[in-house]
Amino acid sequence: MSNEKRDKVSFSSQLSENIWGHRFMDGQRGPEYVLEFLNVMVGTDYQLDADSYYRKKSTGLRKFIFEGDKEGRSNEIARLDDEERKKLNYAISDREKIDVVREFFRNLEVPIYDGRGKPANRSWYAKSLYPLHDSLLFFELRKKGNSISYERNFYARGGELYYLMLSYGTRNNPELKASIEKRLNNLLSKNKPIESIVDSISNALTLQKPEEKPAPLKEGNGKEKYPYLPDDIDIELFRKFAIEFNNLIKLNIDMYEMFKLLVSLATFQIKRYLLSRVTEDNKTVMFFDCMDGQVEQVRKQSAISFNQNELLIKQKYEDTFEKIFNEKIQNEAYVAENLEVWKKDDGEKFFELLDLGNLHKRTKQRAISTLAKCEDYNDVKTKLFNIVKDIIDDQLKKHQIPIIRGLVRDGGMGGFRTGTNYRYFMSDNFIKILVFINVKPNQPIEYSDFLKSIYNDYGIIIGEVEAKKSGIYARSQLNVSYFQKNEYSLREKLRQNGLLIEYSDATAMIRNPFEYTEDEVSL
């Protein structure tokens, strides 16, 4: 990876880019992946094979909607100036209607929560709306003085990478590609009344400016940063993603509910991608606690499963770092030639060699002390390596592990409660997407076949059969009744969501209660 392609980020983030692509960030929340992806789709005119896309600021519209909200870290608040208010009153002469419209749009704000489950304290230009129409999609902004530019701390390319995944997944399937493009276009453009209101407000409050340069989705001739995935990606995995995505969006579900389901699907797929990159056989397992944390043995087993997957990521980072470290220090002759130079100026040349120059001196202090005591290649390769690895591990905990946890939490795949560890469990929306992407309308399947399918396809373990197949049953040394009760609990959740019909204690069928839209057919 060249320096031109890198942002000035932590070394753990650079390792992340090496493993997963440019880039996933811990600050990006589940809904923001989908919002960014939809922004990309709209900006490409709903094309999955574009080289770039146009972004929208919609500054006037957002300022109108969120007037009175905070603006930055200061005590300032968003306000329309007299000229803007005059233009707005001219466009919408009824004052009461203006207030009603503002209240309507404010109620469409997408709630964003931090890692502790508390509402994120965002400024007006960093808030988003449910995309009931593509006119309500706009990019994250940063305001500095009177200047407003695009922001990368929240919309951090995760949605762009998701776009690339679906792009790769439809590359050799024009019918699937066209189906996704057409259906998204229909979903995001059919609410004409909203479009009309947005146009009136935007035309009144937004100055006409020259069209901005599009944001790149692929490497170009310039030095602009762009999203990218590693060269050795699994195209077959992305093909599955595209089929699942299409199976969901062609269901006759309104965009408000569809957005919530898309958050669960996108985060689930991104998590699967991240884990696929840290395993040799592309196979990980996840034991889900379907008993709401009420049974300690099941809760603990789910937490163990979650921790094992996090350890896979940690091990991949350590292996990748060790490979880079060994490549940088080369051999005994190279170390002998450069060791004394590395020791000068608090190891400045050494840390630059490893691309660790951005680290704070206090963070590097132990490594600086160890470097000063190194006498030969063996000292560098063992003692110094271990110290620097500890620094990387600390960065991993701060910046990379939260990515996985954020995906799991925001996608309804798991989380934690006070006094417990992170574990896998299923929200209603996550249960729904598992059914909607695997069970076609009017083609119910037996519950046992559903459990078998989600185990084979995703490594999801619920009940006795899959627990025994995966080896979790033997390793856990739990009584088989715990897995049987866990399986029954998921059965109840499916029934409560209208996704399961019981014919007898022995027979239950999983059903998809929705139909495909009239212009969609099964591929």
Protein backbone atom coordinates (compact mmCIF):
# COMPACT_ATOMS: atom_id res chain seq x y z
CA MET A 1 0.00 0.00 0.00
CA SER A 2 1.49 3.31 -1.04
CA ASN A 3 1.64 6.37 1.15
CA GLU A 4 -0.65 8.16 -1.32
CA LYS A 5 -3.33 5.57 -0.63
CA ARG A 6 -3.03 5.87 3.13
CA ASP A 7 -4.72 8.29 5.44
CA LYS A 8 -2.76 9.41 8.45
CA VAL A 9 -4.17 6.73 10.71
CA SER A 10 -2.96 4.35 13.40
CA PHE A 11 -0.77 1.43 12.44
CA SER A 12 -3.54 -0.97 13.47
CA SER A 13 -5.74 0.80 10.89
CA GLN A 14 -3.02 0.29 8.29
CA LEU A 15 -2.96 -3.41 9.19
CA SER A 16 -6.74 -3.40 8.90
CA GLU A 17 -6.50 -2.01 5.37
CA ASN A 18 -3.99 -4.74 4.51
CA ILE A 19 -6.42 -7.44 5.71
CA TRP A 20 -9.87 -5.99 4.99
CA GLY A 21 -9.45 -3.06 2.60
CA HIS A 22 -9.70 0.74 2.78
CA ARG A 23 -11.46 1.15 5.04
CA PHE A 24 -13.56 0.14 8.03
CA MET A 25 -13.57 2.45 11.05
CA ASP A 26 -14.77 1.88 14.59
CA GLY A 27 -16.67 5.20 14.58
CA GLN A 28 -19.07 4.10 11.84
CA ARG A 29 -22.42 2.82 13.08
CA GLY A 30 -24.62 0.20 11.44
CA PRO A 31 -27.19 2.60 9.92
CA GLU A 32 -24.34 4.70 8.51
CA TYR A 33 -23.03 1.76 6.45
CA VAL A 34 -26.41 1.53 4.74
CA LEU A 35 -26.87 5.30 4.41
CA GLU A 36 -23.44 5.63 2.81
CA PHE A 37 -24.13 2.70 0.48
CA LEU A 38 -27.46 4.21 -0.60
CA ASN A 39 -25.76 7.58 -1.12
CA VAL A 40 -23.32 5.84 -3.43
CA MET A 41 -26.12 4.11 -5.35
CA VAL A 42 -27.99 7.39 -5.84
CA GLY A 43 -24.75 9.17 -6.76
CA THR A 44 -24.03 6.59 -9.49
CA ASP A 45 -27.59 6.89 -10.84
CA TYR A 46 -28.24 3.38 -9.50
CA GLN A 47 -25.39 1.67 -11.31
CA LEU A 48 -23.40 -1.12 -9.64
CA ASP A 49 -20.41 -0.83 -11.97
CA ALA A 50 -19.56 2.88 -11.67
CA ASP A 51 -16.07 4.38 -11.32
CA SER A 52 -17.26 7.36 -9.25
CA TYR A 53 -20.34 8.95 -7.73
CA TYR A 54 -21.74 12.38 -6.92
CA ARG A 55 -22.38 13.44 -3.34
CA LYS A 56 -25.05 15.78 -1.99
CA LYS A 57 -24.66 18.26 0.86
CA SER A 58 -28.28 19.49 1.03
CA THR A 59 -27.08 22.08 3.52
CA GLY A 60 -30.13 24.33 3.35
CA LEU A 61 -32.60 21.47 3.77
CA ARG A 62 -30.76 20.04 6.76
CA LYS A 63 -30.37 23.40 8.43
CA PHE A 64 -34.11 23.94 8.04
CA ILE A 65 -35.00 20.53 9.50
CA PHE A 66 -32.58 20.67 12.41
CA GLU A 67 -32.84 24.38 13.19
CA GLY A 68 -32.25 24.84 16.90
CA ASP A 69 -29.87 21.85 17.20
CA LYS A 70 -26.25 22.26 18.24
CA GLU A 71 -23.55 23.29 15.79
CA GLY A 72 -20.11 21.87 16.55
CA ARG A 73 -18.53 21.75 19.99
CA SER A 74 -19.25 25.38 20.74
CA ASN A 75 -22.47 26.66 22.23
CA GLU A 76 -23.72 27.75 18.80
CA ILE A 77 -26.96 26.43 17.39
CA ALA A 78 -28.24 26.09 13.84
CA ARG A 79 -30.36 29.03 12.67
CA LEU A 80 -31.68 30.22 9.34
CA ASP A 81 -30.66 33.83 8.70
CA ASP A 82 -33.22 36.50 7.78
CA GLU A 83 -32.63 36.13 4.05
CA GLU A 84 -33.04 32.35 4.20
CA ARG A 85 -36.21 32.67 6.24
CA LYS A 86 -37.60 35.18 3.76
CA LYS A 87 -36.95 32.79 0.86
CA LEU A 88 -38.54 29.92 2.78
CA ASN A 89 -41.67 31.93 3.55
CA TYR A 90 -41.91 32.82 -0.12
CA ALA A 91 -41.67 29.15 -1.12
CA ILE A 92 -44.12 27.97 1.59
CA SER A 93 -46.36 30.87 2.51
CA ASP A 94 -48.32 29.04 5.24
CA ARG A 95 -46.29 29.34 8.49
CA GLU A 96 -48.17 26.49 10.14
CA LYS A 97 -47.37 24.26 7.19
CA ILE A 98 -43.67 25.10 7.57
CA ASP A 99 -43.74 23.95 11.19
CA VAL A 100 -45.64 20.77 10.29
CA VAL A 101 -43.17 19.95 7.52
CA ARG A 102 -40.20 20.52 9.82
CA GLU A 103 -41.72 18.32 12.52
CA PHE A 104 -42.45 15.59 9.97
CA PHE A 105 -38.85 15.50 8.79
CA ARG A 106 -37.42 15.72 12.32
CA ASN A 107 -39.39 12.59 13.17
CA LEU A 108 -37.54 10.82 10.36
CA GLU A 109 -34.12 11.28 12.00
CA VAL A 110 -32.18 8.01 12.08
CA PRO A 111 -31.22 7.33 15.70
CA ILE A 112 -27.49 6.70 16.14
CA TYR A 113 -26.13 5.19 19.35
CA ASP A 114 -22.60 5.04 20.72
CA GLY A 115 -20.82 1.94 21.97
CA ARG A 116 -22.54 2.21 25.35
CA GLY A 117 -25.99 2.30 23.84
CA LYS A 118 -26.50 6.01 24.48
CA PRO A 119 -27.78 8.39 21.77
CA ALA A 120 -24.85 9.96 19.91
CA ASN A 121 -24.60 13.72 20.44
CA ARG A 122 -24.33 14.83 16.81
CA SER A 123 -24.45 18.33 15.34
CA TRP A 124 -27.16 19.21 12.81
CA TYR A 125 -24.87 18.64 9.83
CA ALA A 126 -23.98 15.15 11.08
CA LYS A 127 -27.54 13.87 11.34
CA SER A 128 -29.37 11.69 8.83
CA LEU A 129 -32.95 10.86 7.89
CA TYR A 130 -34.71 7.62 7.03
CA PRO A 131 -34.42 7.48 3.22
CA LEU A 132 -38.11 7.38 2.33
CA HIS A 133 -36.99 9.03 -0.92
CA ASP A 134 -33.53 9.53 -2.38
CA SER A 135 -33.91 13.30 -1.89
CA LEU A 136 -33.50 12.60 1.84
CA LEU A 137 -30.08 11.07 1.31
CA PHE A 138 -27.08 13.33 1.82
CA PHE A 139 -23.47 12.95 2.81
CA GLU A 140 -21.84 13.52 6.18
CA LEU A 141 -20.51 17.07 6.57
CA ARG A 142 -17.90 18.91 8.60
CA LYS A 143 -18.33 22.59 9.47
CA LYS A 144 -15.30 24.74 10.22
CA GLY A 145 -16.06 28.43 10.51
CA ASN A 146 -18.17 29.29 7.48
CA SER A 147 -16.75 26.42 5.45
CA ILE A 148 -18.68 23.17 5.04
CA SER A 149 -16.90 20.15 3.60
CA TYR A 150 -17.43 16.41 3.43
CA GLU A 151 -16.70 14.42 6.59
CA ARG A 152 -14.91 11.09 6.81
CA ASN A 153 -15.06 10.32 10.53
CA PHE A 154 -18.55 8.81 10.34
CA TYR A 155 -19.13 8.05 6.69
CA ALA A 156 -15.78 6.33 6.59
CA ARG A 157 -15.90 4.30 3.34
CA GLY A 158 -17.59 1.27 4.92
CA GLY A 159 -20.64 1.88 2.74
CA GLU A 160 -18.41 2.36 -0.28
CA LEU A 161 -16.78 -1.01 0.42
CA TYR A 162 -20.21 -2.60 0.71
CA TYR A 163 -21.01 -1.13 -2.70
CA LEU A 164 -17.82 -2.72 -4.08
CA MET A 165 -18.82 -6.09 -2.59
CA LEU A 166 -22.19 -6.04 -4.36
CA SER A 167 -20.49 -4.73 -7.49
CA TYR A 168 -18.09 -7.69 -7.52
CA GLY A 169 -20.95 -10.04 -6.63
CA THR A 170 -22.99 -9.03 -9.69
CA ARG A 171 -20.12 -8.64 -12.14
CA ASN A 172 -20.85 -11.86 -14.03
CA ASN A 173 -24.61 -11.83 -13.51
CA PRO A 174 -26.22 -8.99 -15.46
CA GLU A 175 -29.73 -10.14 -14.57
CA LEU A 176 -29.01 -9.99 -10.84
CA LYS A 177 -27.26 -6.64 -11.25
CA ALA A 178 -30.20 -5.17 -13.14
CA SER A 179 -32.67 -6.51 -10.56
CA ILE A 180 -30.87 -4.81 -7.66
CA GLU A 181 -30.43 -1.54 -9.54
CA LYS A 182 -34.06 -1.40 -10.66
CA ARG A 183 -35.55 -2.31 -7.29
CA LEU A 184 -33.43 0.20 -5.35
CA ASN A 185 -34.39 2.88 -7.83
CA ASN A 186 -38.06 2.02 -7.35
CA LEU A 187 -37.80 1.93 -3.56
CA LEU A 188 -36.07 5.29 -3.33
CA SER A 189 -37.95 7.24 -5.98
CA LYS A 190 -41.62 6.37 -5.67
CA ASN A 191 -42.49 8.74 -2.80
CA LYS A 192 -43.19 11.74 -5.00
CA PRO A 193 -44.88 13.95 -2.36
CA ILE A 194 -41.68 13.96 -0.27
CA GLU A 195 -39.63 14.75 -3.35
CA SER A 196 -41.86 17.73 -4.12
CA ILE A 197 -41.58 19.17 -0.60
CA VAL A 198 -37.81 18.66 -0.48
CA ASP A 199 -37.38 20.34 -3.85
CA SER A 200 -39.37 23.40 -2.69
CA ILE A 201 -37.26 23.80 0.46
CA SER A 202 -33.95 23.05 -1.23
CA ASN A 203 -34.58 25.43 -4.11
CA ALA A 204 -35.40 28.20 -1.64
CA LEU A 205 -32.45 27.67 0.70
CA THR A 206 -29.63 26.24 -1.41
CA LEU A 207 -27.53 28.45 -3.65
CA GLN A 208 -26.86 27.05 -7.09
CA LYS A 209 -23.21 26.08 -7.27
CA PRO A 210 -21.09 24.48 -9.97
CA GLU A 211 -21.36 20.70 -9.97
CA GLU A 212 -18.72 19.24 -7.68
CA LYS A 213 -16.15 16.72 -8.76
CA PRO A 214 -17.39 13.15 -8.24
CA ALA A 215 -15.87 10.96 -5.52
CA PRO A 216 -13.84 8.02 -6.90
CA LEU A 217 -14.84 4.40 -6.35
CA LYS A 218 -11.77 3.05 -8.11
CA GLU A 219 -8.15 4.04 -8.59
CA GLY A 220 -7.78 6.92 -11.01
CA ASN A 221 -5.05 9.14 -12.38
CA GLY A 222 -5.17 11.64 -9.53
CA LYS A 223 -4.12 11.37 -5.89
CA GLU A 224 -7.62 11.25 -4.48
CA LYS A 225 -8.21 8.55 -1.90
CA TYR A 226 -10.64 5.85 -2.90
CA PRO A 227 -12.13 2.71 -1.38
CA TYR A 228 -10.58 -0.63 -2.24
CA LEU A 229 -10.73 -4.28 -1.23
CA PRO A 230 -7.70 -6.61 -1.09
CA ASP A 231 -6.62 -8.31 -4.29
CA ASP A 232 -7.34 -11.85 -3.03
CA ILE A 233 -11.03 -11.34 -2.23
CA ASP A 234 -13.57 -14.18 -2.35
CA ILE A 235 -15.85 -13.28 -5.27
CA GLU A 236 -18.12 -16.23 -4.49
CA LEU A 237 -18.87 -14.78 -1.05
CA PHE A 238 -19.86 -11.47 -2.65
CA ARG A 239 -22.07 -13.31 -5.13
CA LYS A 240 -23.94 -14.78 -2.16
CA PHE A 241 -24.21 -11.30 -0.65
CA ALA A 242 -25.78 -9.95 -3.84
CA ILE A 243 -28.33 -12.79 -4.03
CA GLU A 244 -29.29 -12.29 -0.36
CA PHE A 245 -29.54 -8.54 -0.85
CA ASN A 246 -31.77 -9.00 -3.88
CA ASN A 247 -33.95 -11.55 -2.08
CA LEU A 248 -34.63 -8.98 0.62
CA ILE A 249 -35.19 -5.79 -1.35
CA LYS A 250 -37.60 -7.30 -3.87
CA LEU A 251 -40.04 -8.15 -1.07
CA ASN A 252 -43.05 -5.85 -0.88
CA ILE A 253 -41.93 -3.95 2.23
CA ASP A 254 -42.02 -0.16 2.57
CA MET A 255 -38.73 1.73 2.71
CA TYR A 256 -39.05 2.71 6.37
CA GLU A 257 -39.13 -0.93 7.49
CA MET A 258 -36.82 -2.04 4.71
CA PHE A 259 -34.10 0.32 5.93
CA LYS A 260 -34.03 -1.36 9.35
CA LEU A 261 -33.80 -4.77 7.70
CA LEU A 262 -31.03 -3.54 5.41
CA VAL A 263 -29.03 -2.45 8.45
CA SER A 264 -29.25 -5.98 9.87
CA LEU A 265 -28.39 -7.57 6.53
CA ALA A 266 -25.49 -5.28 5.62
CA THR A 267 -23.86 -5.53 9.05
CA PHE A 268 -24.31 -9.31 9.03
CA GLN A 269 -22.70 -9.60 5.61
CA ILE A 270 -19.84 -7.23 6.43
CA LYS A 271 -19.15 -9.18 9.62
CA ARG A 272 -19.06 -12.42 7.63
CA TYR A 273 -16.62 -10.80 5.20
CA LEU A 274 -14.33 -9.62 8.02
CA LEU A 275 -14.27 -13.05 9.63
CA SER A 276 -13.73 -14.76 6.27
CA ARG A 277 -10.49 -12.81 5.94
CA VAL A 278 -9.03 -14.16 9.18
CA THR A 279 -9.73 -17.89 8.73
CA GLU A 280 -7.97 -20.36 6.49
CA ASP A 281 -11.06 -22.40 5.53
CA ASN A 282 -13.48 -19.44 5.43
CA LYS A 283 -15.53 -21.19 8.10
CA THR A 284 -16.40 -19.74 11.50
CA VAL A 285 -19.17 -20.75 13.86
CA MET A 286 -21.41 -18.61 16.05
CA PHE A 287 -23.47 -20.07 18.88
CA PHE A 288 -26.48 -17.85 19.49
CA ASP A 289 -28.16 -17.47 22.87
CA CYS A 290 -31.89 -17.49 22.04
CA MET A 291 -32.94 -17.53 25.70
CA ASP A 292 -32.42 -13.81 26.36
CA GLY A 293 -29.46 -14.37 28.66
CA GLN A 294 -31.67 -16.04 31.26
CA VAL A 295 -29.81 -19.35 31.30
CA GLU A 296 -26.23 -18.94 32.47
CA GLN A 297 -24.84 -22.00 30.70
CA VAL A 298 -26.23 -20.92 27.32
CA ARG A 299 -25.21 -17.30 27.86
CA LYS A 300 -21.63 -18.28 28.70
CA GLN A 301 -21.36 -20.64 25.73
CA SER A 302 -22.46 -17.85 23.41
CA ALA A 303 -19.90 -15.50 24.97
CA ILE A 304 -17.18 -18.13 24.46
CA SER A 305 -18.16 -18.39 20.79
CA PHE A 306 -17.98 -14.62 20.41
CA ASN A 307 -14.59 -14.43 22.13
CA GLN A 308 -13.15 -17.18 19.93
CA ASN A 309 -14.04 -15.19 16.81
CA GLU A 310 -12.43 -12.07 18.25
CA LEU A 311 -9.29 -14.11 18.95
CA LEU A 312 -9.20 -15.09 15.27
CA ILE A 313 -9.00 -11.41 14.38
CA LYS A 314 -6.32 -10.75 16.99
CA GLN A 315 -4.24 -13.66 15.70
CA LYS A 316 -4.55 -12.48 12.10
CA TYR A 317 -3.35 -9.01 13.10
CA GLU A 318 -0.39 -10.45 14.97
CA ASP A 319 0.55 -12.74 12.08
CA THR A 320 0.28 -9.87 9.59
CA PHE A 321 2.35 -7.59 11.79
CA GLU A 322 5.04 -10.25 12.29
CA LYS A 323 5.28 -10.70 8.52
CA ILE A 324 5.63 -6.94 7.97
CA PHE A 325 8.15 -6.61 10.82
CA ASN A 326 10.35 -9.39 9.43
CA GLU A 327 10.18 -7.90 5.93
CA LYS A 328 11.23 -4.49 7.26
CA ILE A 329 14.20 -5.61 9.35
CA GLN A 330 15.25 -7.98 6.53
CA ASN A 331 18.27 -9.90 7.87
CA GLU A 332 21.23 -9.85 10.27
CA ALA A 333 23.40 -7.80 7.94
CA TYR A 334 20.72 -5.13 7.49
CA VAL A 335 20.13 -4.84 11.24
CA ALA A 336 23.88 -4.68 11.94
CA GLU A 337 24.21 -1.87 9.39
CA ASN A 338 21.25 0.19 10.71
CA LEU A 339 20.89 -0.58 14.42
CA GLU A 340 22.91 2.38 15.71
CA VAL A 341 21.08 4.75 13.36
CA TRP A 342 17.72 3.42 14.62
CA LYS A 343 18.71 4.15 18.20
CA LYS A 344 19.21 7.86 17.54
CA ASP A 345 16.51 10.52 18.08
CA ASP A 346 14.30 8.23 20.18
CA GLY A 347 14.17 5.63 17.42
CA GLU A 348 12.71 8.01 14.83
CA LYS A 349 14.15 6.16 11.82
CA PHE A 350 13.11 2.78 13.20
CA PHE A 351 9.50 3.82 13.78
CA GLU A 352 9.34 5.43 10.35
CA LEU A 353 10.58 2.15 8.89
CA LEU A 354 7.60 0.39 10.47
CA ASP A 355 5.17 3.20 9.57
CA LEU A 356 4.74 3.87 13.30
CA GLY A 357 5.89 7.48 13.16
CA ASN A 358 2.37 8.72 14.01
CA LEU A 359 2.45 7.10 17.46
CA HIS A 360 2.68 9.41 20.45
CA LYS A 361 6.09 9.35 22.13
CA ARG A 362 4.57 8.19 25.39
CA THR A 363 3.03 5.21 23.59
CA LYS A 364 6.42 4.31 22.09
CA GLN A 365 8.44 4.80 25.28
CA ARG A 366 8.81 1.11 26.18
CA ALA A 367 9.87 0.32 22.62
CA ILE A 368 12.37 3.22 22.65
CA SER A 369 13.92 1.89 25.88
CA THR A 370 14.09 -1.66 24.54
CA LEU A 371 15.58 -0.51 21.23
CA ALA A 372 18.36 1.32 23.11
CA LYS A 373 19.34 -1.99 24.76
CA CYS A 374 19.29 -4.08 21.59
CA GLU A 375 22.72 -5.35 20.57
CA ASP A 376 22.03 -7.54 17.55
CA TYR A 377 19.51 -9.02 15.12
CA ASN A 378 18.24 -11.54 17.66
CA ASP A 379 17.43 -8.81 20.19
CA VAL A 380 15.49 -6.85 17.57
CA LYS A 381 13.63 -9.94 16.34
CA THR A 382 12.60 -11.12 19.82
CA LYS A 383 12.71 -8.51 22.59
CA LEU A 384 11.90 -5.45 20.48
CA PHE A 385 9.36 -7.31 18.39
CA ASN A 386 7.39 -8.40 21.46
CA ILE A 387 7.26 -4.85 22.84
CA VAL A 388 6.09 -3.36 19.55
CA LYS A 389 3.54 -6.17 19.19
CA ASP A 390 2.09 -5.20 22.58
CA ILE A 391 1.66 -1.64 21.29
CA ILE A 392 -0.16 -2.94 18.23
CA ASP A 393 -2.36 -5.15 20.42
CA ASP A 394 -3.38 -2.10 22.45
CA GLN A 395 -4.29 -0.26 19.25
CA LEU A 396 -6.22 -3.31 18.08
CA LYS A 397 -8.37 -3.23 21.22
CA LYS A 398 -9.02 0.51 20.82
CA HIS A 399 -9.61 0.78 17.09
CA GLN A 400 -10.30 -2.58 15.41
CA ILE A 401 -12.16 -4.88 17.81
CA PRO A 402 -14.85 -2.17 18.21
CA ILE A 403 -15.57 -2.49 14.46
CA ILE A 404 -16.77 -6.08 14.88
CA ARG A 405 -18.60 -5.30 18.10
CA GLY A 406 -20.32 -2.32 16.48
CA LEU A 407 -21.48 -4.45 13.56
CA VAL A 408 -22.81 -7.14 15.89
CA ARG A 409 -24.56 -4.67 18.16
CA ASP A 410 -26.05 -2.45 15.45
CA GLY A 411 -27.14 -5.41 13.34
CA GLY A 412 -29.03 -7.04 16.18
CA MET A 413 -26.69 -10.04 16.23
CA GLY A 414 -25.52 -9.63 19.80
CA GLY A 415 -24.15 -7.32 22.43
CA PHE A 416 -23.71 -7.27 26.17
CA ARG A 417 -25.47 -6.26 29.33
CA THR A 418 -23.88 -4.83 32.46
CA GLY A 419 -21.94 -7.58 34.21
CA THR A 420 -21.82 -9.88 31.15
CA ASN A 421 -19.47 -10.35 28.22
CA TYR A 422 -20.28 -9.80 24.57
CA ARG A 423 -22.26 -12.69 23.16
CA TYR A 424 -24.38 -13.60 20.15
CA PHE A 425 -28.16 -13.22 20.35
CA MET A 426 -30.92 -12.40 17.86
CA SER A 427 -33.05 -9.28 17.60
CA ASP A 428 -36.40 -9.50 15.81
CA ASN A 429 -34.97 -7.75 12.74
CA PHE A 430 -32.04 -10.15 12.56
CA ILE A 431 -34.41 -13.12 12.79
CA LYS A 432 -36.50 -11.60 10.00
CA ILE A 433 -33.61 -11.15 7.58
CA LEU A 434 -32.47 -14.75 8.15
CA VAL A 435 -35.91 -15.85 7.01
CA PHE A 436 -36.40 -13.30 4.25
CA ILE A 437 -33.08 -14.04 2.49
CA ASN A 438 -33.43 -17.83 2.77
CA VAL A 439 -37.14 -18.59 2.44
CA LYS A 440 -39.05 -17.56 -0.68
CA PRO A 441 -42.66 -16.39 -0.51
CA ASN A 442 -45.18 -19.24 -0.69
CA GLN A 443 -42.39 -21.82 -0.34
CA PRO A 444 -42.23 -22.67 3.39
CA ILE A 445 -39.53 -24.99 4.71
CA GLU A 446 -39.36 -27.17 7.81
CA TYR A 447 -37.82 -25.65 10.91
CA SER A 448 -35.14 -28.35 11.06
CA ASP A 449 -34.15 -27.59 7.46
CA PHE A 450 -33.96 -23.88 8.29
CA LEU A 451 -31.58 -24.59 11.19
CA LYS A 452 -29.50 -26.81 8.92
CA SER A 453 -29.39 -24.09 6.24
CA ILE A 454 -28.23 -21.26 8.50
CA TYR A 455 -25.58 -23.56 9.97
CA ASN A 456 -24.23 -24.65 6.58
CA ASP A 457 -24.34 -21.16 5.08
CA TYR A 458 -23.36 -18.98 8.04
CA GLY A 459 -22.04 -21.22 10.81
CA ILE A 460 -24.97 -20.26 13.06
CA ILE A 461 -25.56 -22.83 15.80
CA ILE A 462 -28.83 -22.98 17.73
CA GLY A 463 -29.87 -26.50 18.67
CA GLU A 464 -28.73 -30.04 19.36
CA VAL A 465 -27.98 -31.30 15.84
CA GLU A 466 -25.73 -28.42 14.80
CA ALA A 467 -24.08 -28.23 18.23
CA LYS A 468 -23.02 -31.85 17.85
CA LYS A 469 -21.89 -31.38 14.23
CA SER A 470 -19.73 -28.40 15.11
CA GLY A 471 -18.16 -29.99 18.19
CA ILE A 472 -19.54 -27.31 20.53
CA TYR A 473 -21.69 -29.85 22.33
CA ALA A 474 -18.72 -32.08 23.18
CA ARG A 475 -16.44 -29.18 24.13
CA SER A 476 -19.03 -27.47 26.29
CA GLN A 477 -19.85 -30.63 28.26
CA LEU A 478 -23.36 -29.26 28.70
CA ASN A 479 -26.42 -31.44 29.00
CA VAL A 480 -28.13 -31.76 25.62
CA SER A 481 -31.30 -30.26 27.10
CA TYR A 482 -29.71 -26.77 27.05
CA PHE A 483 -29.37 -26.90 23.27
CA GLN A 484 -32.87 -28.32 22.89
CA LYS A 485 -34.35 -25.50 24.97
CA ASN A 486 -32.35 -22.94 23.01
CA GLU A 487 -33.78 -24.37 19.79
CA TYR A 488 -37.30 -24.20 21.18
CA SER A 489 -36.77 -20.57 22.24
CA LEU A 490 -35.86 -19.56 18.69
CA ARG A 491 -38.92 -21.45 17.47
CA GLU A 492 -41.06 -19.32 19.78
CA LYS A 493 -39.44 -16.09 18.58
CA LEU A 494 -40.11 -17.07 14.98
CA ARG A 495 -43.75 -17.83 15.81
CA GLN A 496 -44.20 -14.51 17.62
CA ASN A 497 -42.88 -12.69 14.53
CA GLY A 498 -45.33 -14.48 12.26
CA LEU A 499 -42.55 -16.47 10.59
CA LEU A 500 -43.41 -19.97 11.82
CA ILE A 501 -46.54 -22.11 11.68
CA GLU A 502 -46.84 -25.05 14.06
CA TYR A 503 -48.75 -28.09 12.84
CA SER A 504 -47.73 -30.28 15.78
CA ASP A 505 -44.99 -30.51 18.38
CA ALA A 506 -42.94 -32.37 15.81
CA THR A 507 -43.73 -30.28 12.76
CA ALA A 508 -43.20 -26.55 12.26
CA MET A 509 -42.79 -24.66 9.01
CA ILE A 510 -40.85 -21.44 8.42
CA ARG A 511 -42.71 -19.05 6.13
CA ASN A 512 -41.96 -15.75 4.45
CA PRO A 513 -45.19 -13.76 4.89
CA PHE A 514 -44.37 -11.18 2.21
CA GLU A 515 -44.82 -11.33 -1.54
CA TYR A 516 -42.41 -10.13 -4.18
CA THR A 517 -43.31 -6.80 -5.72
CA GLU A 518 -45.32 -7.07 -8.93
CA ASP A 519 -42.38 -6.29 -11.19
CA GLU A 520 -40.02 -8.71 -9.47
CA VAL A 521 -39.53 -12.41 -10.07
CA SER A 522 -37.33 -14.97 -8.37
CA LEU A 523 -33.92 -15.31 -9.98
